[in-house]
Amino acid sequence: MSPRVYNTKKMSKQIIPVGNRIIISTVDAETRTSQGLIIPDSNQKKPLMGLVIETSSSIVEVGDTVVYGEYAGQKVNFEDKDFIILEENQILAKII
């Protein structure tokens, strides 16, 4: 599988997973209720879903939305963006 380039115009470098790992872009937590009330940071639920931006795994593809465990993966900040690097076995489900 050849590596894919993700947003080369915005990124000067690439981040490519090694082994059976998956790089996901995290989903932001809800900051307001449906009625418009602001939710304090201490009460915001940590989202457990993300968008696959790069993979060396055969179970997911770039663009898939996946669900992972609360303590899964390694958080990484790359070029001012937050990502999580997961191992293949840390993916709980794929949303289709």
N, C-alpha and C. Protein backbone atom coordinates (compact mmCIF):
# COMPACT_ATOMS: atom_id res chain seq x y z
N MET A 1 0.85 -1.17 0.00
CA MET A 1 0.00 0.00 0.00
C MET A 1 0.90 1.24 0.00
N SER A 2 0.71 2.10 -0.96
CA SER A 2 1.53 3.30 -1.03
C SER A 2 0.96 4.39 -0.13
N PRO A 3 1.82 5.22 0.47
CA PRO A 3 1.33 6.28 1.35
C PRO A 3 0.58 7.34 0.57
N ARG A 4 -0.46 7.88 1.19
CA ARG A 4 -1.24 8.95 0.58
C ARG A 4 -0.81 10.28 1.18
N VAL A 5 -0.93 11.32 0.40
CA VAL A 5 -0.60 12.65 0.88
C VAL A 5 -1.89 13.32 1.31
N TYR A 6 -1.91 13.91 2.51
CA TYR A 6 -3.11 14.53 3.05
C TYR A 6 -2.91 16.04 3.11
N ASN A 7 -3.70 16.76 2.34
CA ASN A 7 -3.69 18.23 2.36
C ASN A 7 -2.29 18.81 2.21
N THR A 8 -1.63 18.49 1.13
CA THR A 8 -0.26 18.92 0.95
C THR A 8 -0.11 20.43 0.85
N LYS A 9 -1.15 21.14 0.46
CA LYS A 9 -1.06 22.59 0.36
C LYS A 9 -0.98 23.24 1.74
N LYS A 10 -1.61 22.62 2.75
CA LYS A 10 -1.62 23.19 4.09
C LYS A 10 -0.49 22.65 4.95
N MET A 11 -0.04 21.42 4.69
CA MET A 11 1.00 20.80 5.50
C MET A 11 2.32 20.79 4.73
N SER A 12 3.37 21.17 5.41
CA SER A 12 4.67 21.13 4.76
C SER A 12 5.32 19.75 4.93
N LYS A 13 4.84 18.98 5.91
CA LYS A 13 5.36 17.65 6.16
C LYS A 13 4.20 16.67 6.12
N GLN A 14 4.52 15.39 6.08
CA GLN A 14 3.52 14.33 6.09
C GLN A 14 3.63 13.54 7.38
N ILE A 15 2.52 12.98 7.79
CA ILE A 15 2.52 12.05 8.91
C ILE A 15 1.98 10.73 8.39
N ILE A 16 2.79 9.69 8.45
CA ILE A 16 2.45 8.40 7.86
C ILE A 16 2.53 7.34 8.96
N PRO A 17 1.46 6.57 9.17
CA PRO A 17 1.48 5.54 10.22
C PRO A 17 2.38 4.36 9.83
N VAL A 18 2.97 3.75 10.84
CA VAL A 18 3.85 2.61 10.66
C VAL A 18 3.22 1.40 11.35
N GLY A 19 3.33 0.24 10.75
CA GLY A 19 2.70 -0.95 11.32
C GLY A 19 1.20 -0.90 11.04
N ASN A 20 0.42 -1.56 11.86
CA ASN A 20 -1.03 -1.55 11.71
C ASN A 20 -1.63 -0.42 12.55
N ARG A 21 -1.30 0.81 12.19
CA ARG A 21 -1.77 1.96 12.94
C ARG A 21 -2.65 2.85 12.07
N ILE A 22 -3.46 3.64 12.76
CA ILE A 22 -4.42 4.50 12.09
C ILE A 22 -4.30 5.90 12.70
N ILE A 23 -4.28 6.92 11.87
CA ILE A 23 -4.25 8.30 12.35
C ILE A 23 -5.62 8.90 12.13
N ILE A 24 -6.21 9.42 13.21
CA ILE A 24 -7.53 10.02 13.09
C ILE A 24 -7.51 11.47 13.55
N SER A 25 -8.39 12.22 12.96
CA SER A 25 -8.63 13.60 13.36
C SER A 25 -9.80 13.57 14.32
N THR A 26 -9.63 14.14 15.49
CA THR A 26 -10.67 14.05 16.52
C THR A 26 -11.84 14.97 16.20
N VAL A 27 -12.99 14.62 16.77
CA VAL A 27 -14.20 15.41 16.64
C VAL A 27 -14.27 16.31 17.87
N ASP A 28 -14.63 17.58 17.68
CA ASP A 28 -14.73 18.51 18.80
C ASP A 28 -15.91 18.17 19.70
N ALA A 29 -15.74 18.41 20.99
CA ALA A 29 -16.81 18.17 21.96
C ALA A 29 -17.88 19.25 21.81
N GLU A 30 -19.11 18.88 22.16
CA GLU A 30 -20.22 19.83 22.12
C GLU A 30 -19.98 20.89 23.19
N THR A 31 -20.08 22.17 22.81
CA THR A 31 -19.87 23.26 23.75
C THR A 31 -21.17 23.94 24.17
N ARG A 32 -22.26 23.62 23.46
CA ARG A 32 -23.57 24.20 23.78
C ARG A 32 -24.64 23.12 23.74
N THR A 33 -25.69 23.32 24.54
CA THR A 33 -26.82 22.41 24.51
C THR A 33 -27.72 22.79 23.33
N SER A 34 -28.74 21.98 23.08
CA SER A 34 -29.67 22.28 21.98
C SER A 34 -30.45 23.57 22.25
N GLN A 35 -30.55 23.97 23.52
CA GLN A 35 -31.23 25.21 23.86
C GLN A 35 -30.29 26.42 23.81
N GLY A 36 -28.99 26.19 23.58
CA GLY A 36 -28.04 27.28 23.46
C GLY A 36 -27.23 27.56 24.71
N LEU A 37 -27.42 26.76 25.77
CA LEU A 37 -26.65 26.98 26.98
C LEU A 37 -25.21 26.50 26.80
N ILE A 38 -24.27 27.23 27.36
CA ILE A 38 -22.86 26.87 27.25
C ILE A 38 -22.54 25.78 28.27
N ILE A 39 -21.87 24.73 27.81
CA ILE A 39 -21.47 23.62 28.67
C ILE A 39 -20.05 23.90 29.17
N PRO A 40 -19.83 23.93 30.50
CA PRO A 40 -18.47 24.16 31.01
C PRO A 40 -17.52 23.04 30.58
N ASP A 41 -16.24 23.37 30.46
CA ASP A 41 -15.24 22.39 30.03
C ASP A 41 -15.24 21.14 30.90
N SER A 42 -15.46 21.31 32.20
CA SER A 42 -15.42 20.16 33.12
C SER A 42 -16.57 19.19 32.89
N ASN A 43 -17.66 19.64 32.26
CA ASN A 43 -18.82 18.78 32.03
C ASN A 43 -18.93 18.28 30.59
N GLN A 44 -18.03 18.71 29.72
CA GLN A 44 -18.10 18.28 28.33
C GLN A 44 -17.65 16.83 28.24
N LYS A 45 -18.42 16.04 27.50
CA LYS A 45 -18.07 14.65 27.29
C LYS A 45 -17.00 14.56 26.20
N LYS A 46 -16.00 13.74 26.46
CA LYS A 46 -14.93 13.53 25.49
C LYS A 46 -15.48 12.71 24.32
N PRO A 47 -15.40 13.25 23.10
CA PRO A 47 -15.89 12.47 21.96
C PRO A 47 -15.00 11.26 21.72
N LEU A 48 -15.61 10.15 21.36
CA LEU A 48 -14.87 8.91 21.14
C LEU A 48 -14.98 8.48 19.69
N MET A 49 -15.10 9.46 18.80
CA MET A 49 -15.16 9.20 17.36
C MET A 49 -14.16 10.08 16.65
N GLY A 50 -13.74 9.64 15.49
CA GLY A 50 -12.82 10.43 14.71
C GLY A 50 -12.85 10.03 13.25
N LEU A 51 -12.27 10.88 12.44
CA LEU A 51 -12.20 10.67 11.00
C LEU A 51 -10.81 10.16 10.63
N VAL A 52 -10.75 9.05 9.92
CA VAL A 52 -9.47 8.46 9.52
C VAL A 52 -8.86 9.34 8.43
N ILE A 53 -7.64 9.84 8.70
CA ILE A 53 -6.96 10.66 7.69
C ILE A 53 -5.80 9.92 7.03
N GLU A 54 -5.31 8.89 7.71
CA GLU A 54 -4.22 8.08 7.13
C GLU A 54 -4.23 6.73 7.82
N THR A 55 -3.95 5.68 7.07
CA THR A 55 -3.96 4.34 7.65
C THR A 55 -2.95 3.44 6.97
N SER A 56 -2.42 2.51 7.75
CA SER A 56 -1.61 1.43 7.19
C SER A 56 -2.32 0.10 7.49
N SER A 57 -3.56 0.19 7.92
CA SER A 57 -4.37 -0.97 8.29
C SER A 57 -5.25 -1.38 7.11
N SER A 58 -5.68 -2.62 7.13
CA SER A 58 -6.56 -3.10 6.06
C SER A 58 -8.03 -3.08 6.48
N ILE A 59 -8.33 -2.73 7.74
CA ILE A 59 -9.73 -2.77 8.19
C ILE A 59 -10.47 -1.44 8.00
N VAL A 60 -9.75 -0.35 7.85
CA VAL A 60 -10.39 0.95 7.63
C VAL A 60 -9.73 1.64 6.44
N GLU A 61 -10.44 2.61 5.89
CA GLU A 61 -9.92 3.39 4.77
C GLU A 61 -9.93 4.86 5.15
N VAL A 62 -9.16 5.66 4.44
CA VAL A 62 -9.16 7.10 4.64
C VAL A 62 -10.57 7.63 4.38
N GLY A 63 -11.06 8.46 5.30
CA GLY A 63 -12.40 9.02 5.17
C GLY A 63 -13.44 8.30 6.03
N ASP A 64 -13.11 7.13 6.58
CA ASP A 64 -14.04 6.41 7.45
C ASP A 64 -14.14 7.12 8.80
N THR A 65 -15.31 7.02 9.42
CA THR A 65 -15.50 7.49 10.78
C THR A 65 -15.45 6.27 11.69
N VAL A 66 -14.62 6.35 12.73
CA VAL A 66 -14.44 5.21 13.62
C VAL A 66 -14.73 5.58 15.07
N VAL A 67 -15.06 4.56 15.86
CA VAL A 67 -15.28 4.71 17.29
C VAL A 67 -14.12 3.99 17.98
N TYR A 68 -13.59 4.62 19.03
CA TYR A 68 -12.47 4.03 19.76
C TYR A 68 -12.73 4.16 21.26
N GLY A 69 -11.97 3.45 22.06
CA GLY A 69 -12.14 3.46 23.51
C GLY A 69 -11.66 4.76 24.14
N GLU A 70 -12.12 5.02 25.35
CA GLU A 70 -11.83 6.28 26.04
C GLU A 70 -10.33 6.51 26.26
N TYR A 71 -9.59 5.47 26.55
CA TYR A 71 -8.17 5.62 26.84
C TYR A 71 -7.29 5.08 25.72
N ALA A 72 -7.85 4.89 24.55
CA ALA A 72 -7.11 4.30 23.42
C ALA A 72 -6.24 5.35 22.73
N GLY A 73 -5.15 4.89 22.17
CA GLY A 73 -4.34 5.71 21.29
C GLY A 73 -3.41 6.68 22.00
N GLN A 74 -2.64 7.34 21.16
CA GLN A 74 -1.67 8.34 21.61
C GLN A 74 -2.02 9.67 20.98
N LYS A 75 -2.22 10.70 21.78
CA LYS A 75 -2.54 12.03 21.26
C LYS A 75 -1.26 12.67 20.72
N VAL A 76 -1.39 13.30 19.55
CA VAL A 76 -0.26 13.95 18.90
C VAL A 76 -0.72 15.29 18.35
N ASN A 77 0.10 16.32 18.52
CA ASN A 77 -0.17 17.60 17.90
C ASN A 77 0.83 17.75 16.77
N PHE A 78 0.33 17.81 15.54
CA PHE A 78 1.17 17.89 14.35
C PHE A 78 0.74 19.09 13.53
N GLU A 79 1.64 20.03 13.36
CA GLU A 79 1.37 21.27 12.62
C GLU A 79 0.10 21.95 13.12
N ASP A 80 0.03 22.12 14.44
CA ASP A 80 -1.07 22.82 15.13
C ASP A 80 -2.43 22.15 14.98
N LYS A 81 -2.46 20.86 14.71
CA LYS A 81 -3.71 20.10 14.65
C LYS A 81 -3.57 18.90 15.57
N ASP A 82 -4.67 18.53 16.23
CA ASP A 82 -4.66 17.39 17.14
C ASP A 82 -5.09 16.12 16.42
N PHE A 83 -4.31 15.07 16.60
CA PHE A 83 -4.58 13.77 16.02
C PHE A 83 -4.44 12.72 17.10
N ILE A 84 -5.00 11.55 16.84
CA ILE A 84 -4.79 10.39 17.70
C ILE A 84 -4.28 9.26 16.82
N ILE A 85 -3.21 8.62 17.27
CA ILE A 85 -2.66 7.47 16.56
C ILE A 85 -3.11 6.22 17.32
N LEU A 86 -3.87 5.37 16.63
CA LEU A 86 -4.43 4.17 17.23
C LEU A 86 -3.82 2.93 16.59
N GLU A 87 -3.77 1.87 17.36
CA GLU A 87 -3.44 0.58 16.78
C GLU A 87 -4.72 -0.03 16.22
N GLU A 88 -4.59 -0.90 15.26
CA GLU A 88 -5.73 -1.51 14.59
C GLU A 88 -6.72 -2.14 15.58
N ASN A 89 -6.21 -2.79 16.61
CA ASN A 89 -7.09 -3.49 17.56
C ASN A 89 -7.79 -2.54 18.54
N GLN A 90 -7.48 -1.24 18.50
CA GLN A 90 -8.15 -0.27 19.37
C GLN A 90 -9.41 0.33 18.73
N ILE A 91 -9.65 0.02 17.47
CA ILE A 91 -10.87 0.46 16.80
C ILE A 91 -12.01 -0.44 17.25
N LEU A 92 -13.05 0.16 17.80
CA LEU A 92 -14.20 -0.61 18.28
C LEU A 92 -15.25 -0.81 17.21
N ALA A 93 -15.45 0.21 16.36
CA ALA A 93 -16.47 0.13 15.33
C ALA A 93 -16.18 1.13 14.23
N LYS A 94 -16.76 0.85 13.06
CA LYS A 94 -16.68 1.75 11.92
C LYS A 94 -18.10 2.20 11.62
N ILE A 95 -18.31 3.51 11.49
CA ILE A 95 -19.65 4.03 11.22
C ILE A 95 -19.82 4.18 9.71
N ILE A 96 -20.85 3.52 9.17
CA ILE A 96 -21.08 3.59 7.73
C ILE A 96 -22.48 4.11 7.43
